[in-house]
Amino acid sequence: MPDTTTPTRSSRRPAVLVTGATGNLGREVVDRLRVRGARVRCLVRDLAGAPPEAEPVAGDLTDRVAVRRALDGVDAVFLIWPLLDAAPAHGLIAELAAAAPPLVLVHLSAAAVDDAAARQSDPVVQVHADMEALLHGAGLRPVVLRSDTLASNTRGWKRQVAAGVVVSGPETACTAVVDERDVAEAAVAALLAHHAHRDHGPYVLTGPEVLGRAEQIAQLGAALRRDLRFQALPAPLARARMLADGLPEPLADALVAASERRPDSPRVTDHVRRLTGHPAGTFARWAADHAAEFGRREP
């Protein structure tokens, strides 16, 4: 477990830039950094949507001027790349490399990345692998956290859960679903670790058990005391439903490709424990803790 008792540069409070701060994982990272006494900055398109406890900077990761402003005076960066193409990241990476003194960089990647593969299984995993390669190629030596499927993805089922007992969608690979709160704690441990105790990984962050979608839906149903069931949809129908729900076409295509091509993963690791000092939580616990979010039935 990293030693996080010493701030990154000096005895002052460390300053951390959190990208993706308005998302499910990013908000958890922001909350934990504040609890640990860090000063938090976030880069957001909409200042009104920024976490109230963070210092917002307007812009996005493809805007070099905004990135430069956001990096000014920070000690560490938590990086989530939000696009399905790594090519627009070159300006960001140049700004990260130019920051002085060198920043602590913690990069969120995907557990499905296969280091031995010339090409990854699907577009989503490919962009994660491409980002890792670009960061290393620039000499940045990030701490790489390869997260398995986040439990918070379940929030995408809220509307269907409220409407009935059947949740439908594309069948996806079975993975060791990981609680985003555990991933956030691991990220904060890496961001605040003393340099002498920092291991750059990659860490593969998983939950304690491998689950398919049907098992996740059943465990969510148990938390809600409802008999929820999963119905797998063929790829064309799943794509049409995603588009009807408002997903951009490239993202819908990428998710369908992932459902068709990504293999099941039996891998379960102890890397959450190594970084945080406690074992990874179960999906059943996540479902119980968040049951109230799914408990309202819509007309």
C-alpha atoms as a PDB file:
ATOM      1  CA  MET A   1       0.000   0.000   0.000  1.00  0.00           C
ATOM      2  CA  PRO A   2       1.472   3.383  -0.972  1.00  0.00           C
ATOM      3  CA  ASP A   3       2.623   5.765   1.741  1.00  0.00           C
ATOM      4  CA  THR A   4       0.339   8.807   1.403  1.00  0.00           C
ATOM      5  CA  THR A   5       1.503  10.676   4.473  1.00  0.00           C
ATOM      6  CA  THR A   6       3.830  13.020   2.593  1.00  0.00           C
ATOM      7  CA  PRO A   7       2.445  15.533   0.038  1.00  0.00           C
ATOM      8  CA  THR A   8       3.832  15.344  -3.451  1.00  0.00           C
ATOM      9  CA  ARG A   9       6.038  18.475  -3.581  1.00  0.00           C
ATOM     10  CA  SER A  10       6.257  19.998  -0.142  1.00  0.00           C
ATOM     11  CA  SER A  11       4.518  20.239   3.217  1.00  0.00           C
ATOM     12  CA  ARG A  12       1.689  22.299   1.693  1.00  0.00           C
ATOM     13  CA  ARG A  13      -1.604  20.736   0.669  1.00  0.00           C
ATOM     14  CA  PRO A  14      -1.168  18.899  -2.632  1.00  0.00           C
ATOM     15  CA  ALA A  15      -3.163  20.225  -5.575  1.00  0.00           C
ATOM     16  CA  VAL A  16      -4.731  17.644  -7.888  1.00  0.00           C
ATOM     17  CA  LEU A  17      -6.386  18.113 -11.269  1.00  0.00           C
ATOM     18  CA  VAL A  18      -9.242  15.648 -11.753  1.00  0.00           C
ATOM     19  CA  THR A  19     -10.521  15.091 -15.293  1.00  0.00           C
ATOM     20  CA  GLY A  20     -13.925  13.511 -15.724  1.00  0.00           C
ATOM     21  CA  ALA A  21     -14.874  15.092 -12.397  1.00  0.00           C
ATOM     22  CA  THR A  22     -18.591  15.241 -13.229  1.00  0.00           C
ATOM     23  CA  GLY A  23     -18.855  11.493 -13.915  1.00  0.00           C
ATOM     24  CA  ASN A  24     -19.670   8.623 -11.575  1.00  0.00           C
ATOM     25  CA  LEU A  25     -16.019   7.840 -10.868  1.00  0.00           C
ATOM     26  CA  GLY A  26     -14.667  11.380 -11.026  1.00  0.00           C
ATOM     27  CA  ARG A  27     -17.019  12.629  -8.332  1.00  0.00           C
ATOM     28  CA  GLU A  28     -15.899   9.828  -6.029  1.00  0.00           C
ATOM     29  CA  VAL A  29     -12.265  10.795  -6.634  1.00  0.00           C
ATOM     30  CA  VAL A  30     -13.001  14.462  -5.895  1.00  0.00           C
ATOM     31  CA  ASP A  31     -14.801  13.589  -2.649  1.00  0.00           C
ATOM     32  CA  ARG A  32     -11.950  11.428  -1.386  1.00  0.00           C
ATOM     33  CA  LEU A  33      -9.255  13.919  -2.286  1.00  0.00           C
ATOM     34  CA  ARG A  34     -11.073  16.611  -0.322  1.00  0.00           C
ATOM     35  CA  VAL A  35     -11.406  14.309   2.685  1.00  0.00           C
ATOM     36  CA  ARG A  36      -7.639  13.729   2.502  1.00  0.00           C
ATOM     37  CA  GLY A  37      -7.008  17.482   2.557  1.00  0.00           C
ATOM     38  CA  ALA A  38      -5.997  17.960  -1.071  1.00  0.00           C
ATOM     39  CA  ARG A  39      -6.905  20.997  -3.125  1.00  0.00           C
ATOM     40  CA  VAL A  40      -8.932  19.847  -6.117  1.00  0.00           C
ATOM     41  CA  ARG A  41      -9.193  21.416  -9.552  1.00  0.00           C
ATOM     42  CA  CYS A  42     -11.376  20.109 -12.365  1.00  0.00           C
ATOM     43  CA  LEU A  43     -11.540  20.742 -16.103  1.00  0.00           C
ATOM     44  CA  VAL A  44     -15.172  20.939 -17.218  1.00  0.00           C
ATOM     45  CA  ARG A  45     -17.088  22.133 -20.256  1.00  0.00           C
ATOM     46  CA  ASP A  46     -19.919  23.513 -18.124  1.00  0.00           C
ATOM     47  CA  LEU A  47     -18.843  25.441 -15.031  1.00  0.00           C
ATOM     48  CA  ALA A  48     -22.353  25.119 -13.577  1.00  0.00           C
ATOM     49  CA  GLY A  49     -21.999  21.346 -13.470  1.00  0.00           C
ATOM     50  CA  ALA A  50     -18.634  21.292 -11.666  1.00  0.00           C
ATOM     51  CA  PRO A  51     -18.435  19.694  -8.221  1.00  0.00           C
ATOM     52  CA  PRO A  52     -18.967  22.547  -5.735  1.00  0.00           C
ATOM     53  CA  GLU A  53     -15.939  21.507  -3.662  1.00  0.00           C
ATOM     54  CA  ALA A  54     -13.526  21.769  -6.613  1.00  0.00           C
ATOM     55  CA  GLU A  55     -11.944  24.745  -8.388  1.00  0.00           C
ATOM     56  CA  PRO A  56     -13.319  24.628 -11.948  1.00  0.00           C
ATOM     57  CA  VAL A  57     -11.487  25.517 -15.136  1.00  0.00           C
ATOM     58  CA  ALA A  58     -13.603  25.870 -18.282  1.00  0.00           C
ATOM     59  CA  GLY A  59     -12.576  23.747 -21.245  1.00  0.00           C
ATOM     60  CA  ASP A  60     -11.920  20.193 -22.312  1.00  0.00           C
ATOM     61  CA  LEU A  61      -8.957  17.898 -22.834  1.00  0.00           C
ATOM     62  CA  THR A  62      -8.622  18.776 -26.525  1.00  0.00           C
ATOM     63  CA  ASP A  63      -8.159  22.505 -25.731  1.00  0.00           C
ATOM     64  CA  ARG A  64      -4.454  23.046 -25.075  1.00  0.00           C
ATOM     65  CA  VAL A  65      -4.935  26.546 -23.649  1.00  0.00           C
ATOM     66  CA  ALA A  66      -7.514  25.272 -21.149  1.00  0.00           C
ATOM     67  CA  VAL A  67      -5.325  22.294 -20.266  1.00  0.00           C
ATOM     68  CA  ARG A  68      -2.364  24.592 -19.638  1.00  0.00           C
ATOM     69  CA  ARG A  69      -4.474  26.754 -17.300  1.00  0.00           C
ATOM     70  CA  ALA A  70      -5.756  23.689 -15.477  1.00  0.00           C
ATOM     71  CA  LEU A  71      -2.236  22.294 -14.994  1.00  0.00           C
ATOM     72  CA  ASP A  72      -0.793  25.519 -13.608  1.00  0.00           C
ATOM     73  CA  GLY A  73       0.320  24.918 -10.030  1.00  0.00           C
ATOM     74  CA  VAL A  74      -0.973  21.369  -9.639  1.00  0.00           C
ATOM     75  CA  ASP A  75       1.064  18.474  -8.283  1.00  0.00           C
ATOM     76  CA  ALA A  76      -0.855  15.539  -9.710  1.00  0.00           C
ATOM     77  CA  VAL A  77      -3.389  14.671 -12.408  1.00  0.00           C
ATOM     78  CA  PHE A  78      -6.076  12.013 -12.537  1.00  0.00           C
ATOM     79  CA  LEU A  79      -6.619  11.391 -16.246  1.00  0.00           C
ATOM     80  CA  ILE A  80      -9.699   9.854 -17.827  1.00  0.00           C
ATOM     81  CA  TRP A  81      -9.643  10.133 -21.619  1.00  0.00           C
ATOM     82  CA  PRO A  82     -13.285  10.555 -22.761  1.00  0.00           C
ATOM     83  CA  LEU A  83     -13.087  10.056 -26.529  1.00  0.00           C
ATOM     84  CA  LEU A  84     -13.132   6.963 -28.742  1.00  0.00           C
ATOM     85  CA  ASP A  85     -10.043   8.195 -30.604  1.00  0.00           C
ATOM     86  CA  ALA A  86      -6.634   8.833 -29.037  1.00  0.00           C
ATOM     87  CA  ALA A  87      -5.399  11.097 -31.861  1.00  0.00           C
ATOM     88  CA  PRO A  88      -6.805  14.318 -30.323  1.00  0.00           C
ATOM     89  CA  ALA A  89      -4.800  13.597 -27.155  1.00  0.00           C
ATOM     90  CA  HIS A  90      -1.469  14.694 -28.647  1.00  0.00           C
ATOM     91  CA  GLY A  91      -1.870  18.305 -27.490  1.00  0.00           C
ATOM     92  CA  LEU A  92      -2.862  17.194 -23.991  1.00  0.00           C
ATOM     93  CA  ILE A  93       0.122  14.894 -23.750  1.00  0.00           C
ATOM     94  CA  ALA A  94       2.465  17.656 -24.905  1.00  0.00           C
ATOM     95  CA  GLU A  95       1.135  19.907 -22.133  1.00  0.00           C
ATOM     96  CA  LEU A  96       1.521  17.153 -19.539  1.00  0.00           C
ATOM     97  CA  ALA A  97       5.095  16.534 -20.676  1.00  0.00           C
ATOM     98  CA  ALA A  98       5.902  20.251 -20.517  1.00  0.00           C
ATOM     99  CA  ALA A  99       4.571  20.729 -16.991  1.00  0.00           C
ATOM    100  CA  ALA A 100       7.362  21.449 -14.508  1.00  0.00           C
ATOM    101  CA  PRO A 101       8.313  20.038 -12.153  1.00  0.00           C
ATOM    102  CA  PRO A 102       7.120  16.643 -13.479  1.00  0.00           C
ATOM    103  CA  LEU A 103       3.587  15.820 -12.405  1.00  0.00           C
ATOM    104  CA  VAL A 104       2.310  12.699 -10.752  1.00  0.00           C
ATOM    105  CA  LEU A 105       0.034  11.234 -13.411  1.00  0.00           C
ATOM    106  CA  VAL A 106      -2.543   8.551 -12.657  1.00  0.00           C
ATOM    107  CA  HIS A 107      -4.253   7.271 -15.780  1.00  0.00           C
ATOM    108  CA  LEU A 108      -7.479   5.257 -15.834  1.00  0.00           C
ATOM    109  CA  SER A 109      -7.346   2.490 -18.410  1.00  0.00           C
ATOM    110  CA  ALA A 110      -9.226  -0.775 -18.998  1.00  0.00           C
ATOM    111  CA  ALA A 111      -8.651  -4.222 -17.508  1.00  0.00           C
ATOM    112  CA  ALA A 112      -9.380  -5.720 -20.932  1.00  0.00           C
ATOM    113  CA  VAL A 113      -6.171  -4.273 -22.437  1.00  0.00           C
ATOM    114  CA  ASP A 114      -4.020  -7.149 -23.696  1.00  0.00           C
ATOM    115  CA  ASP A 115      -0.342  -6.187 -23.792  1.00  0.00           C
ATOM    116  CA  ALA A 116       0.457  -9.117 -26.082  1.00  0.00           C
ATOM    117  CA  ALA A 117      -2.113  -8.192 -28.751  1.00  0.00           C
ATOM    118  CA  ALA A 118      -1.254  -6.190 -31.859  1.00  0.00           C
ATOM    119  CA  ARG A 119      -4.862  -4.944 -31.910  1.00  0.00           C
ATOM    120  CA  GLN A 120      -7.331  -4.965 -29.056  1.00  0.00           C
ATOM    121  CA  SER A 121     -10.664  -6.749 -29.054  1.00  0.00           C
ATOM    122  CA  ASP A 122     -12.862  -3.709 -29.728  1.00  0.00           C
ATOM    123  CA  PRO A 123     -12.739   0.087 -30.195  1.00  0.00           C
ATOM    124  CA  VAL A 124     -13.269   0.893 -26.528  1.00  0.00           C
ATOM    125  CA  VAL A 125     -10.305  -1.204 -25.378  1.00  0.00           C
ATOM    126  CA  GLN A 126      -8.231  -0.043 -28.340  1.00  0.00           C
ATOM    127  CA  VAL A 127      -8.431   3.613 -27.338  1.00  0.00           C
ATOM    128  CA  HIS A 128      -7.304   2.731 -23.804  1.00  0.00           C
ATOM    129  CA  ALA A 129      -4.311   0.827 -25.190  1.00  0.00           C
ATOM    130  CA  ASP A 130      -3.505   3.695 -27.572  1.00  0.00           C
ATOM    131  CA  MET A 131      -3.591   6.214 -24.720  1.00  0.00           C
ATOM    132  CA  GLU A 132      -1.251   4.108 -22.604  1.00  0.00           C
ATOM    133  CA  ALA A 133       1.164   3.880 -25.541  1.00  0.00           C
ATOM    134  CA  LEU A 134       1.067   7.640 -26.169  1.00  0.00           C
ATOM    135  CA  LEU A 135       1.680   8.483 -22.513  1.00  0.00           C
ATOM    136  CA  HIS A 136       4.601   6.089 -22.223  1.00  0.00           C
ATOM    137  CA  GLY A 137       5.956   7.245 -25.585  1.00  0.00           C
ATOM    138  CA  ALA A 138       6.096  10.798 -24.256  1.00  0.00           C
ATOM    139  CA  GLY A 139       8.180   9.637 -21.291  1.00  0.00           C
ATOM    140  CA  LEU A 140       5.465  10.455 -18.748  1.00  0.00           C
ATOM    141  CA  ARG A 141       5.571   7.191 -16.748  1.00  0.00           C
ATOM    142  CA  PRO A 142       1.950   7.279 -15.558  1.00  0.00           C
ATOM    143  CA  VAL A 143       0.600   5.113 -12.784  1.00  0.00           C
ATOM    144  CA  VAL A 144      -1.795   3.001 -14.844  1.00  0.00           C
ATOM    145  CA  LEU A 145      -5.008   1.768 -13.241  1.00  0.00           C
ATOM    146  CA  ARG A 146      -6.738  -0.753 -15.481  1.00  0.00           C
ATOM    147  CA  SER A 147     -10.274  -0.905 -14.168  1.00  0.00           C
ATOM    148  CA  ASP A 148     -12.698  -3.710 -14.839  1.00  0.00           C
ATOM    149  CA  THR A 149     -16.385  -2.969 -15.504  1.00  0.00           C
ATOM    150  CA  LEU A 150     -17.576  -0.292 -13.076  1.00  0.00           C
ATOM    151  CA  ALA A 151     -20.597  -1.098 -10.933  1.00  0.00           C
ATOM    152  CA  SER A 152     -21.892   2.424 -11.565  1.00  0.00           C
ATOM    153  CA  ASN A 153     -22.600   1.447 -15.195  1.00  0.00           C
ATOM    154  CA  THR A 154     -25.682  -0.182 -13.697  1.00  0.00           C
ATOM    155  CA  ARG A 155     -27.225   3.286 -13.440  1.00  0.00           C
ATOM    156  CA  GLY A 156     -27.863   3.028 -17.168  1.00  0.00           C
ATOM    157  CA  TRP A 157     -30.625   0.537 -16.345  1.00  0.00           C
ATOM    158  CA  LYS A 158     -32.610   2.901 -14.101  1.00  0.00           C
ATOM    159  CA  ARG A 159     -35.333   3.669 -16.609  1.00  0.00           C
ATOM    160  CA  GLN A 160     -35.947   0.014 -17.421  1.00  0.00           C
ATOM    161  CA  VAL A 161     -35.917  -0.995 -13.749  1.00  0.00           C
ATOM    162  CA  ALA A 162     -38.488   1.698 -12.991  1.00  0.00           C
ATOM    163  CA  ALA A 163     -40.675   0.578 -15.894  1.00  0.00           C
ATOM    164  CA  GLY A 164     -40.833  -3.158 -15.226  1.00  0.00           C
ATOM    165  CA  VAL A 165     -39.055  -6.362 -14.291  1.00  0.00           C
ATOM    166  CA  VAL A 166     -37.184  -7.012 -17.550  1.00  0.00           C
ATOM    167  CA  VAL A 167     -33.902  -5.239 -18.294  1.00  0.00           C
ATOM    168  CA  SER A 168     -32.797  -5.773 -21.886  1.00  0.00           C
ATOM    169  CA  GLY A 169     -29.599  -4.991 -23.715  1.00  0.00           C
ATOM    170  CA  PRO A 170     -26.677  -6.579 -25.506  1.00  0.00           C
ATOM    171  CA  GLU A 171     -24.998  -9.522 -23.840  1.00  0.00           C
ATOM    172  CA  THR A 172     -21.558  -8.456 -22.653  1.00  0.00           C
ATOM    173  CA  ALA A 173     -18.437 -10.182 -21.425  1.00  0.00           C
ATOM    174  CA  CYS A 174     -18.478 -11.624 -17.941  1.00  0.00           C
ATOM    175  CA  THR A 175     -16.059  -9.654 -15.765  1.00  0.00           C
ATOM    176  CA  ALA A 176     -15.190  -9.076 -12.114  1.00  0.00           C
ATOM    177  CA  VAL A 177     -17.342  -5.952 -11.750  1.00  0.00           C
ATOM    178  CA  VAL A 178     -15.620  -3.403  -9.514  1.00  0.00           C
ATOM    179  CA  ASP A 179     -17.153  -0.787  -7.222  1.00  0.00           C
ATOM    180  CA  GLU A 180     -16.225   2.692  -8.501  1.00  0.00           C
ATOM    181  CA  ARG A 181     -15.672   3.737  -4.881  1.00  0.00           C
ATOM    182  CA  ASP A 182     -12.833   1.206  -4.665  1.00  0.00           C
ATOM    183  CA  VAL A 183     -11.362   2.496  -7.926  1.00  0.00           C
ATOM    184  CA  ALA A 184     -11.574   6.053  -6.576  1.00  0.00           C
ATOM    185  CA  GLU A 185      -9.798   5.077  -3.359  1.00  0.00           C
ATOM    186  CA  ALA A 186      -7.090   3.333  -5.371  1.00  0.00           C
ATOM    187  CA  ALA A 187      -6.673   6.419  -7.556  1.00  0.00           C
ATOM    188  CA  VAL A 188      -6.369   8.728  -4.552  1.00  0.00           C
ATOM    189  CA  ALA A 189      -3.813   6.422  -2.938  1.00  0.00           C
ATOM    190  CA  ALA A 190      -1.722   6.579  -6.106  1.00  0.00           C
ATOM    191  CA  LEU A 191      -2.152  10.351  -6.520  1.00  0.00           C
ATOM    192  CA  LEU A 192      -1.013  11.125  -2.981  1.00  0.00           C
ATOM    193  CA  ALA A 193       1.669   8.471  -2.590  1.00  0.00           C
ATOM    194  CA  HIS A 194       5.188   9.559  -1.707  1.00  0.00           C
ATOM    195  CA  HIS A 195       7.483   9.221  -4.722  1.00  0.00           C
ATOM    196  CA  ALA A 196       9.693   6.642  -3.054  1.00  0.00           C
ATOM    197  CA  HIS A 197       6.676   4.365  -2.538  1.00  0.00           C
ATOM    198  CA  ARG A 198       5.018   4.791  -5.936  1.00  0.00           C
ATOM    199  CA  ASP A 199       4.658   1.726  -8.172  1.00  0.00           C
ATOM    200  CA  HIS A 200       3.582   2.575 -11.708  1.00  0.00           C
ATOM    201  CA  GLY A 201       1.741  -0.695 -12.284  1.00  0.00           C
ATOM    202  CA  PRO A 202      -0.252  -1.401 -14.301  1.00  0.00           C
ATOM    203  CA  TYR A 203      -2.719  -2.261 -11.556  1.00  0.00           C
ATOM    204  CA  VAL A 204      -5.724  -4.312 -12.636  1.00  0.00           C
ATOM    205  CA  LEU A 205      -8.629  -3.317 -10.412  1.00  0.00           C
ATOM    206  CA  THR A 206     -11.380  -5.916 -10.136  1.00  0.00           C
ATOM    207  CA  GLY A 207     -14.191  -6.888  -7.853  1.00  0.00           C
ATOM    208  CA  PRO A 208     -14.114 -10.202  -5.968  1.00  0.00           C
ATOM    209  CA  GLU A 209     -16.375 -12.220  -8.311  1.00  0.00           C
ATOM    210  CA  VAL A 210     -16.984 -12.604 -12.029  1.00  0.00           C
ATOM    211  CA  LEU A 211     -20.509 -11.672 -13.096  1.00  0.00           C
ATOM    212  CA  GLY A 212     -22.520 -11.624 -16.279  1.00  0.00           C
ATOM    213  CA  ARG A 213     -25.335  -9.181 -16.900  1.00  0.00           C
ATOM    214  CA  ALA A 214     -28.001 -11.662 -15.832  1.00  0.00           C
ATOM    215  CA  GLU A 215     -26.253 -12.129 -12.476  1.00  0.00           C
ATOM    216  CA  GLN A 216     -25.891  -8.388 -11.973  1.00  0.00           C
ATOM    217  CA  ILE A 217     -29.574  -7.844 -12.695  1.00  0.00           C
ATOM    218  CA  ALA A 218     -30.513 -10.652 -10.292  1.00  0.00           C
ATOM    219  CA  GLN A 219     -28.363  -9.175  -7.515  1.00  0.00           C
ATOM    220  CA  LEU A 220     -29.798  -5.720  -8.123  1.00  0.00           C
ATOM    221  CA  GLY A 221     -33.261  -7.241  -7.947  1.00  0.00           C
ATOM    222  CA  ALA A 222     -32.398  -8.901  -4.647  1.00  0.00           C
ATOM    223  CA  ALA A 223     -31.334  -5.530  -3.242  1.00  0.00           C
ATOM    224  CA  LEU A 224     -34.636  -4.032  -4.421  1.00  0.00           C
ATOM    225  CA  ARG A 225     -36.658  -7.096  -3.332  1.00  0.00           C
ATOM    226  CA  ARG A 226     -37.910  -7.449  -6.878  1.00  0.00           C
ATOM    227  CA  ASP A 227     -37.686 -10.306  -9.374  1.00  0.00           C
ATOM    228  CA  LEU A 228     -35.673  -8.561 -12.071  1.00  0.00           C
ATOM    229  CA  ARG A 229     -34.617 -10.481 -15.160  1.00  0.00           C
ATOM    230  CA  PHE A 230     -32.183  -9.811 -17.994  1.00  0.00           C
ATOM    231  CA  GLN A 231     -33.130 -10.239 -21.640  1.00  0.00           C
ATOM    232  CA  ALA A 232     -30.290 -10.317 -24.149  1.00  0.00           C
ATOM    233  CA  LEU A 233     -30.946  -8.402 -27.365  1.00  0.00           C
ATOM    234  CA  PRO A 234     -29.363  -9.144 -30.754  1.00  0.00           C
ATOM    235  CA  ALA A 235     -26.825  -6.548 -31.811  1.00  0.00           C
ATOM    236  CA  PRO A 236     -28.977  -4.648 -34.359  1.00  0.00           C
ATOM    237  CA  LEU A 237     -31.856  -4.259 -31.905  1.00  0.00           C
ATOM    238  CA  ALA A 238     -29.506  -3.270 -29.078  1.00  0.00           C
ATOM    239  CA  ARG A 239     -27.929  -0.629 -31.314  1.00  0.00           C
ATOM    240  CA  ALA A 240     -31.334   0.754 -32.309  1.00  0.00           C
ATOM    241  CA  ARG A 241     -32.349   1.028 -28.672  1.00  0.00           C
ATOM    242  CA  MET A 242     -29.117   2.852 -27.745  1.00  0.00           C
ATOM    243  CA  LEU A 243     -29.691   5.343 -30.551  1.00  0.00           C
ATOM    244  CA  ALA A 244     -33.308   5.831 -29.443  1.00  0.00           C
ATOM    245  CA  ASP A 245     -32.031   6.508 -25.924  1.00  0.00           C
ATOM    246  CA  GLY A 246     -29.887   9.319 -27.289  1.00  0.00           C
ATOM    247  CA  LEU A 247     -26.413   7.735 -27.448  1.00  0.00           C
ATOM    248  CA  PRO A 248     -24.204   9.137 -30.213  1.00  0.00           C
ATOM    249  CA  GLU A 249     -23.891   6.743 -33.133  1.00  0.00           C
ATOM    250  CA  PRO A 250     -20.099   6.179 -32.747  1.00  0.00           C
ATOM    251  CA  LEU A 251     -20.546   5.267 -29.081  1.00  0.00           C
ATOM    252  CA  ALA A 252     -23.452   2.925 -29.833  1.00  0.00           C
ATOM    253  CA  ASP A 253     -21.384   1.223 -32.528  1.00  0.00           C
ATOM    254  CA  ALA A 254     -18.413   0.880 -30.178  1.00  0.00           C
ATOM    255  CA  LEU A 255     -20.542  -0.627 -27.400  1.00  0.00           C
ATOM    256  CA  VAL A 256     -22.137  -3.106 -29.778  1.00  0.00           C
ATOM    257  CA  ALA A 257     -18.698  -4.074 -31.089  1.00  0.00           C
ATOM    258  CA  ALA A 258     -17.517  -4.593 -27.513  1.00  0.00           C
ATOM    259  CA  SER A 259     -20.507  -6.821 -26.777  1.00  0.00           C
ATOM    260  CA  GLU A 260     -19.766  -8.945 -29.837  1.00  0.00           C
ATOM    261  CA  ARG A 261     -15.970  -9.169 -29.667  1.00  0.00           C
ATOM    262  CA  ARG A 262     -14.767  -8.774 -26.090  1.00  0.00           C
ATOM    263  CA  PRO A 263     -14.081 -12.155 -24.451  1.00  0.00           C
ATOM    264  CA  ASP A 264     -15.150 -13.120 -20.951  1.00  0.00           C
ATOM    265  CA  SER A 265     -12.518 -12.385 -18.324  1.00  0.00           C
ATOM    266  CA  PRO A 266     -12.072 -14.775 -15.392  1.00  0.00           C
ATOM    267  CA  ARG A 267      -9.428 -12.555 -13.827  1.00  0.00           C
ATOM    268  CA  VAL A 268      -9.776 -11.516 -10.189  1.00  0.00           C
ATOM    269  CA  THR A 269      -6.909  -9.609  -8.538  1.00  0.00           C
ATOM    270  CA  ASP A 270      -5.973  -8.258  -5.128  1.00  0.00           C
ATOM    271  CA  HIS A 271      -4.810  -4.913  -6.538  1.00  0.00           C
ATOM    272  CA  VAL A 272      -7.565  -2.942  -4.812  1.00  0.00           C
ATOM    273  CA  ARG A 273      -6.268  -4.284  -1.506  1.00  0.00           C
ATOM    274  CA  ARG A 274      -2.669  -3.541  -2.481  1.00  0.00           C
ATOM    275  CA  LEU A 275      -3.493   0.118  -3.112  1.00  0.00           C
ATOM    276  CA  THR A 276      -6.150   0.795  -0.485  1.00  0.00           C
ATOM    277  CA  GLY A 277      -5.458  -1.691   2.297  1.00  0.00           C
ATOM    278  CA  HIS A 278      -8.926  -3.263   2.111  1.00  0.00           C
ATOM    279  CA  PRO A 279     -10.488  -5.894  -0.158  1.00  0.00           C
ATOM    280  CA  ALA A 280     -12.682  -4.938  -3.082  1.00  0.00           C
ATOM    281  CA  GLY A 281     -16.378  -4.738  -2.306  1.00  0.00           C
ATOM    282  CA  THR A 282     -18.966  -6.980  -3.932  1.00  0.00           C
ATOM    283  CA  PHE A 283     -21.514  -5.912  -6.503  1.00  0.00           C
ATOM    284  CA  ALA A 284     -24.233  -7.071  -4.102  1.00  0.00           C
ATOM    285  CA  ARG A 285     -22.972  -4.523  -1.565  1.00  0.00           C
ATOM    286  CA  TRP A 286     -22.965  -1.803  -4.223  1.00  0.00           C
ATOM    287  CA  ALA A 287     -26.533  -2.690  -5.178  1.00  0.00           C
ATOM    288  CA  ALA A 288     -27.673  -2.583  -1.547  1.00  0.00           C
ATOM    289  CA  ASP A 289     -25.950   0.776  -0.963  1.00  0.00           C
ATOM    290  CA  HIS A 290     -27.571   2.287  -4.075  1.00  0.00           C
ATOM    291  CA  ALA A 291     -30.967   0.596  -3.955  1.00  0.00           C
ATOM    292  CA  ALA A 292     -32.745   3.872  -3.243  1.00  0.00           C
ATOM    293  CA  GLU A 293     -31.643   5.194  -6.630  1.00  0.00           C
ATOM    294  CA  PHE A 294     -33.626   2.416  -8.356  1.00  0.00           C
ATOM    295  CA  GLY A 295     -36.579   2.208  -5.991  1.00  0.00           C
ATOM    296  CA  ARG A 296     -38.986   4.614  -7.645  1.00  0.00           C
ATOM    297  CA  ARG A 297     -41.413   3.166 -10.196  1.00  0.00           C
ATOM    298  CA  GLU A 298     -42.242   5.523 -13.045  1.00  0.00           C
ATOM    299  CA  PRO A 299     -45.814   5.694 -14.430  1.00  0.00           C
END
